[in-house]
Amino acid sequence: MDPLIPHMRNVFLFAFLLCLSNFTQASEQTSPENIVYNFYKSYLKEESSDNSRFLSQYVSDELMKSINDSMMCNYDSDDSVSAEELEGKCSQKRECKQFKGRYICNWHGAWVDTDVDYFTKSQDVYPSWKASISTFDVYQKENDSSVNVILGAGSEPKVKFNVVLEKIDRKWKNTSVTEQ
């Protein structure tokens, strides 16, 4: 029975270290920096126009509401809302301004461009953006974080953003993307 006790202690210690290792790896995969990197890596290759399930994994409900309401009012509606609801959303006065040659409006606290993709601030996605995603200058508090990201490399245009995240239901969610 004596040789069994040291063996059990070693098995117990090994199991504990394995669990600790998995926990550390899981927390690294869900860090704000990794969330932003994984979001852009997947978002830039997303071919489907119906990516609402994907977006709900990474983007806060409030930001999605702002983007969707802006799109509904600035482009043809898909008839998913009544004419009265559309009129109610679209007739509200909004603060709008010129920013870097584009027209942006405040939708429920989020500044949304009227004619470019919210997350890339562009109508185009360059091949180098898909291949070169750099995240840096991570600032993090308990429930808030910001991460800078650069898309692109080489001779193609590069863009730099600041992505703000908030911990919602124990998951980091994108609440804002601003061009730097």
C-alpha atoms as a PDB file:
ATOM      1  CA  MET A   1       0.000   0.000   0.000  1.00  0.00           C
ATOM      2  CA  ASP A   2       2.934   2.338   0.684  1.00  0.00           C
ATOM      3  CA  PRO A   3       4.115   2.501  -2.996  1.00  0.00           C
ATOM      4  CA  LEU A   4       0.576   3.390  -4.052  1.00  0.00           C
ATOM      5  CA  ILE A   5       0.483   6.651  -2.066  1.00  0.00           C
ATOM      6  CA  PRO A   6       3.443   8.345  -3.877  1.00  0.00           C
ATOM      7  CA  HIS A   7       2.046   7.108  -7.196  1.00  0.00           C
ATOM      8  CA  MET A   8      -1.399   8.545  -6.428  1.00  0.00           C
ATOM      9  CA  ARG A   9       0.213  11.821  -5.350  1.00  0.00           C
ATOM     10  CA  ASN A  10       2.055  12.021  -8.694  1.00  0.00           C
ATOM     11  CA  VAL A  11      -1.126  11.232 -10.645  1.00  0.00           C
ATOM     12  CA  PHE A  12      -3.024  13.857  -8.670  1.00  0.00           C
ATOM     13  CA  LEU A  13      -0.250  16.431  -9.225  1.00  0.00           C
ATOM     14  CA  PHE A  14      -0.139  15.639 -12.960  1.00  0.00           C
ATOM     15  CA  ALA A  15      -3.941  16.003 -13.258  1.00  0.00           C
ATOM     16  CA  PHE A  16      -3.815  19.332 -11.414  1.00  0.00           C
ATOM     17  CA  LEU A  17      -1.047  20.687 -13.672  1.00  0.00           C
ATOM     18  CA  LEU A  18      -2.889  19.505 -16.770  1.00  0.00           C
ATOM     19  CA  CYS A  19      -6.053  21.327 -15.668  1.00  0.00           C
ATOM     20  CA  LEU A  20      -4.052  24.463 -14.885  1.00  0.00           C
ATOM     21  CA  SER A  21      -2.412  24.303 -18.309  1.00  0.00           C
ATOM     22  CA  ASN A  22      -5.789  23.965 -20.065  1.00  0.00           C
ATOM     23  CA  PHE A  23      -7.206  26.859 -18.052  1.00  0.00           C
ATOM     24  CA  THR A  24      -4.252  29.088 -19.014  1.00  0.00           C
ATOM     25  CA  GLN A  25      -4.599  28.116 -22.669  1.00  0.00           C
ATOM     26  CA  ALA A  26      -8.362  28.787 -22.604  1.00  0.00           C
ATOM     27  CA  SER A  27      -7.892  32.213 -21.033  1.00  0.00           C
ATOM     28  CA  GLU A  28      -5.293  33.102 -23.698  1.00  0.00           C
ATOM     29  CA  GLN A  29      -7.722  32.144 -26.467  1.00  0.00           C
ATOM     30  CA  THR A  30     -10.405  34.378 -24.974  1.00  0.00           C
ATOM     31  CA  SER A  31      -8.216  37.397 -24.250  1.00  0.00           C
ATOM     32  CA  PRO A  32      -9.408  40.663 -25.848  1.00  0.00           C
ATOM     33  CA  GLU A  33      -6.412  40.639 -28.196  1.00  0.00           C
ATOM     34  CA  ASN A  34      -7.195  37.107 -29.404  1.00  0.00           C
ATOM     35  CA  ILE A  35     -10.905  37.898 -29.717  1.00  0.00           C
ATOM     36  CA  VAL A  36     -10.118  40.853 -32.012  1.00  0.00           C
ATOM     37  CA  TYR A  37      -7.611  38.834 -34.045  1.00  0.00           C
ATOM     38  CA  ASN A  38      -9.988  35.865 -34.422  1.00  0.00           C
ATOM     39  CA  PHE A  39     -12.882  38.179 -35.299  1.00  0.00           C
ATOM     40  CA  TYR A  40     -11.020  39.848 -38.165  1.00  0.00           C
ATOM     41  CA  LYS A  41      -9.477  36.579 -39.381  1.00  0.00           C
ATOM     42  CA  SER A  42     -12.950  35.022 -39.675  1.00  0.00           C
ATOM     43  CA  TYR A  43     -14.811  38.170 -40.720  1.00  0.00           C
ATOM     44  CA  LEU A  44     -12.499  38.898 -43.640  1.00  0.00           C
ATOM     45  CA  LYS A  45     -12.912  35.394 -45.053  1.00  0.00           C
ATOM     46  CA  GLU A  46     -16.651  35.240 -44.412  1.00  0.00           C
ATOM     47  CA  GLU A  47     -18.295  34.730 -47.807  1.00  0.00           C
ATOM     48  CA  SER A  48     -21.883  34.532 -46.619  1.00  0.00           C
ATOM     49  CA  SER A  49     -24.065  37.604 -46.533  1.00  0.00           C
ATOM     50  CA  ASP A  50     -25.996  36.038 -43.630  1.00  0.00           C
ATOM     51  CA  ASN A  51     -23.375  36.053 -40.931  1.00  0.00           C
ATOM     52  CA  SER A  52     -25.623  37.116 -38.036  1.00  0.00           C
ATOM     53  CA  ARG A  53     -24.745  34.046 -35.938  1.00  0.00           C
ATOM     54  CA  PHE A  54     -21.039  34.743 -36.395  1.00  0.00           C
ATOM     55  CA  LEU A  55     -21.459  38.432 -35.552  1.00  0.00           C
ATOM     56  CA  SER A  56     -23.512  37.701 -32.425  1.00  0.00           C
ATOM     57  CA  GLN A  57     -20.547  35.697 -31.120  1.00  0.00           C
ATOM     58  CA  TYR A  58     -18.202  38.707 -31.320  1.00  0.00           C
ATOM     59  CA  VAL A  59     -20.319  41.876 -31.412  1.00  0.00           C
ATOM     60  CA  SER A  60     -22.531  43.382 -28.706  1.00  0.00           C
ATOM     61  CA  ASP A  61     -26.279  43.488 -29.310  1.00  0.00           C
ATOM     62  CA  GLU A  62     -26.260  47.285 -28.951  1.00  0.00           C
ATOM     63  CA  LEU A  63     -23.638  47.746 -31.665  1.00  0.00           C
ATOM     64  CA  MET A  64     -25.462  45.339 -33.977  1.00  0.00           C
ATOM     65  CA  LYS A  65     -28.693  47.306 -33.433  1.00  0.00           C
ATOM     66  CA  SER A  66     -26.911  50.536 -34.392  1.00  0.00           C
ATOM     67  CA  ILE A  67     -25.402  48.995 -37.535  1.00  0.00           C
ATOM     68  CA  ASN A  68     -28.641  47.266 -38.564  1.00  0.00           C
ATOM     69  CA  ASP A  69     -30.793  50.361 -38.021  1.00  0.00           C
ATOM     70  CA  SER A  70     -28.353  52.461 -40.053  1.00  0.00           C
ATOM     71  CA  MET A  71     -28.349  49.938 -42.891  1.00  0.00           C
ATOM     72  CA  MET A  72     -32.133  49.662 -42.797  1.00  0.00           C
ATOM     73  CA  CYS A  73     -32.512  53.401 -43.202  1.00  0.00           C
ATOM     74  CA  ASN A  74     -29.674  54.009 -45.673  1.00  0.00           C
ATOM     75  CA  TYR A  75     -30.356  51.091 -48.019  1.00  0.00           C
ATOM     76  CA  ASP A  76     -33.406  49.300 -49.305  1.00  0.00           C
ATOM     77  CA  SER A  77     -35.252  47.513 -46.529  1.00  0.00           C
ATOM     78  CA  ASP A  78     -35.867  43.797 -46.828  1.00  0.00           C
ATOM     79  CA  ASP A  79     -39.496  44.223 -45.740  1.00  0.00           C
ATOM     80  CA  SER A  80     -38.735  42.563 -42.389  1.00  0.00           C
ATOM     81  CA  VAL A  81     -40.165  45.613 -40.632  1.00  0.00           C
ATOM     82  CA  SER A  82     -43.379  47.477 -41.179  1.00  0.00           C
ATOM     83  CA  ALA A  83     -43.447  50.797 -42.990  1.00  0.00           C
ATOM     84  CA  GLU A  84     -44.465  52.501 -39.731  1.00  0.00           C
ATOM     85  CA  GLU A  85     -41.504  51.038 -37.823  1.00  0.00           C
ATOM     86  CA  LEU A  86     -39.156  51.970 -40.645  1.00  0.00           C
ATOM     87  CA  GLU A  87     -40.515  55.516 -40.689  1.00  0.00           C
ATOM     88  CA  GLY A  88     -40.125  55.743 -36.908  1.00  0.00           C
ATOM     89  CA  LYS A  89     -36.497  54.622 -36.974  1.00  0.00           C
ATOM     90  CA  CYS A  90     -35.446  56.593 -40.011  1.00  0.00           C
ATOM     91  CA  SER A  91     -37.175  59.908 -39.335  1.00  0.00           C
ATOM     92  CA  GLN A  92     -35.417  60.503 -36.005  1.00  0.00           C
ATOM     93  CA  LYS A  93     -32.927  63.372 -35.975  1.00  0.00           C
ATOM     94  CA  ARG A  94     -29.327  62.144 -35.750  1.00  0.00           C
ATOM     95  CA  GLU A  95     -26.054  63.916 -35.255  1.00  0.00           C
ATOM     96  CA  CYS A  96     -24.038  63.465 -38.450  1.00  0.00           C
ATOM     97  CA  LYS A  97     -20.651  64.753 -39.569  1.00  0.00           C
ATOM     98  CA  GLN A  98     -17.906  64.391 -42.155  1.00  0.00           C
ATOM     99  CA  PHE A  99     -15.017  62.158 -41.080  1.00  0.00           C
ATOM    100  CA  LYS A 100     -12.046  61.422 -43.344  1.00  0.00           C
ATOM    101  CA  GLY A 101     -14.139  62.259 -46.384  1.00  0.00           C
ATOM    102  CA  ARG A 102     -17.026  60.012 -45.309  1.00  0.00           C
ATOM    103  CA  TYR A 103     -20.402  60.811 -43.828  1.00  0.00           C
ATOM    104  CA  ILE A 104     -21.019  59.243 -40.389  1.00  0.00           C
ATOM    105  CA  CYS A 105     -24.043  59.432 -38.099  1.00  0.00           C
ATOM    106  CA  ASN A 106     -24.602  58.651 -34.446  1.00  0.00           C
ATOM    107  CA  TRP A 107     -26.907  55.630 -34.158  1.00  0.00           C
ATOM    108  CA  HIS A 108     -27.739  54.899 -30.520  1.00  0.00           C
ATOM    109  CA  GLY A 109     -24.264  56.048 -29.409  1.00  0.00           C
ATOM    110  CA  ALA A 110     -22.256  54.370 -32.190  1.00  0.00           C
ATOM    111  CA  TRP A 111     -20.841  56.393 -35.083  1.00  0.00           C
ATOM    112  CA  VAL A 112     -21.780  54.425 -38.208  1.00  0.00           C
ATOM    113  CA  ASP A 113     -20.549  55.181 -41.728  1.00  0.00           C
ATOM    114  CA  THR A 114     -23.313  55.402 -44.290  1.00  0.00           C
ATOM    115  CA  ASP A 115     -21.508  53.846 -47.254  1.00  0.00           C
ATOM    116  CA  VAL A 116     -18.762  51.497 -46.024  1.00  0.00           C
ATOM    117  CA  ASP A 117     -18.524  48.332 -43.958  1.00  0.00           C
ATOM    118  CA  TYR A 118     -18.530  49.202 -40.245  1.00  0.00           C
ATOM    119  CA  PHE A 119     -15.738  46.798 -39.256  1.00  0.00           C
ATOM    120  CA  THR A 120     -13.318  47.575 -42.115  1.00  0.00           C
ATOM    121  CA  LYS A 121     -14.333  51.179 -42.861  1.00  0.00           C
ATOM    122  CA  SER A 122     -14.025  50.263 -46.515  1.00  0.00           C
ATOM    123  CA  GLN A 123     -16.081  49.010 -49.432  1.00  0.00           C
ATOM    124  CA  ASP A 124     -13.223  46.727 -50.459  1.00  0.00           C
ATOM    125  CA  VAL A 125     -11.264  43.984 -48.710  1.00  0.00           C
ATOM    126  CA  TYR A 126      -7.717  43.661 -49.985  1.00  0.00           C
ATOM    127  CA  PRO A 127      -5.986  40.257 -50.091  1.00  0.00           C
ATOM    128  CA  SER A 128      -3.241  41.459 -47.751  1.00  0.00           C
ATOM    129  CA  TRP A 129      -5.871  42.311 -45.117  1.00  0.00           C
ATOM    130  CA  LYS A 130      -6.806  38.645 -44.907  1.00  0.00           C
ATOM    131  CA  ALA A 131      -3.169  37.569 -44.636  1.00  0.00           C
ATOM    132  CA  SER A 132      -1.829  40.314 -42.372  1.00  0.00           C
ATOM    133  CA  ILE A 133      -3.736  41.098 -39.183  1.00  0.00           C
ATOM    134  CA  SER A 134      -1.695  42.703 -36.399  1.00  0.00           C
ATOM    135  CA  THR A 135      -3.057  43.393 -32.922  1.00  0.00           C
ATOM    136  CA  PHE A 136      -1.141  45.504 -30.390  1.00  0.00           C
ATOM    137  CA  ASP A 137      -1.370  48.121 -27.634  1.00  0.00           C
ATOM    138  CA  VAL A 138      -3.871  46.179 -25.580  1.00  0.00           C
ATOM    139  CA  TYR A 139      -5.412  48.086 -22.700  1.00  0.00           C
ATOM    140  CA  GLN A 140      -7.517  46.044 -20.323  1.00  0.00           C
ATOM    141  CA  LYS A 141      -9.480  46.597 -17.141  1.00  0.00           C
ATOM    142  CA  GLU A 142     -11.729  44.049 -15.512  1.00  0.00           C
ATOM    143  CA  ASN A 143     -14.697  44.470 -17.895  1.00  0.00           C
ATOM    144  CA  ASP A 144     -13.393  46.882 -20.549  1.00  0.00           C
ATOM    145  CA  SER A 145     -10.604  46.627 -23.073  1.00  0.00           C
ATOM    146  CA  SER A 146      -9.282  48.262 -26.205  1.00  0.00           C
ATOM    147  CA  VAL A 147      -7.077  46.709 -28.849  1.00  0.00           C
ATOM    148  CA  ASN A 148      -5.405  48.370 -31.823  1.00  0.00           C
ATOM    149  CA  VAL A 149      -5.415  46.395 -35.051  1.00  0.00           C
ATOM    150  CA  ILE A 150      -3.759  46.938 -38.432  1.00  0.00           C
ATOM    151  CA  LEU A 151      -5.025  45.182 -41.539  1.00  0.00           C
ATOM    152  CA  GLY A 152      -2.723  44.901 -44.519  1.00  0.00           C
ATOM    153  CA  ALA A 153       0.893  44.800 -45.576  1.00  0.00           C
ATOM    154  CA  GLY A 154       3.057  45.566 -48.577  1.00  0.00           C
ATOM    155  CA  SER A 155       1.937  47.968 -51.275  1.00  0.00           C
ATOM    156  CA  GLU A 156      -1.811  47.557 -50.659  1.00  0.00           C
ATOM    157  CA  PRO A 157      -3.596  50.082 -48.445  1.00  0.00           C
ATOM    158  CA  LYS A 158      -3.318  49.477 -44.713  1.00  0.00           C
ATOM    159  CA  VAL A 159      -5.947  50.463 -42.170  1.00  0.00           C
ATOM    160  CA  LYS A 160      -5.587  50.922 -38.427  1.00  0.00           C
ATOM    161  CA  PHE A 161      -8.471  50.639 -35.984  1.00  0.00           C
ATOM    162  CA  ASN A 162      -9.088  50.857 -32.287  1.00  0.00           C
ATOM    163  CA  VAL A 163     -11.509  48.146 -31.208  1.00  0.00           C
ATOM    164  CA  VAL A 164     -13.256  48.609 -27.865  1.00  0.00           C
ATOM    165  CA  LEU A 165     -14.577  45.527 -26.108  1.00  0.00           C
ATOM    166  CA  GLU A 166     -16.764  45.003 -23.073  1.00  0.00           C
ATOM    167  CA  LYS A 167     -17.174  41.840 -21.059  1.00  0.00           C
ATOM    168  CA  ILE A 168     -20.837  40.843 -21.443  1.00  0.00           C
ATOM    169  CA  ASP A 169     -22.019  37.624 -19.820  1.00  0.00           C
ATOM    170  CA  ARG A 170     -18.353  36.655 -19.225  1.00  0.00           C
ATOM    171  CA  LYS A 171     -17.485  37.016 -22.942  1.00  0.00           C
ATOM    172  CA  TRP A 172     -15.593  39.836 -24.614  1.00  0.00           C
ATOM    173  CA  LYS A 173     -17.813  41.598 -27.170  1.00  0.00           C
ATOM    174  CA  ASN A 174     -16.914  44.321 -29.672  1.00  0.00           C
ATOM    175  CA  THR A 175     -18.717  47.558 -28.762  1.00  0.00           C
ATOM    176  CA  SER A 176     -16.935  49.999 -31.084  1.00  0.00           C
ATOM    177  CA  VAL A 177     -14.512  50.199 -34.002  1.00  0.00           C
ATOM    178  CA  THR A 178     -12.911  53.537 -34.785  1.00  0.00           C
ATOM    179  CA  GLU A 179     -10.402  54.298 -37.509  1.00  0.00           C
ATOM    180  CA  GLN A 180      -7.071  55.685 -36.330  1.00  0.00           C
END
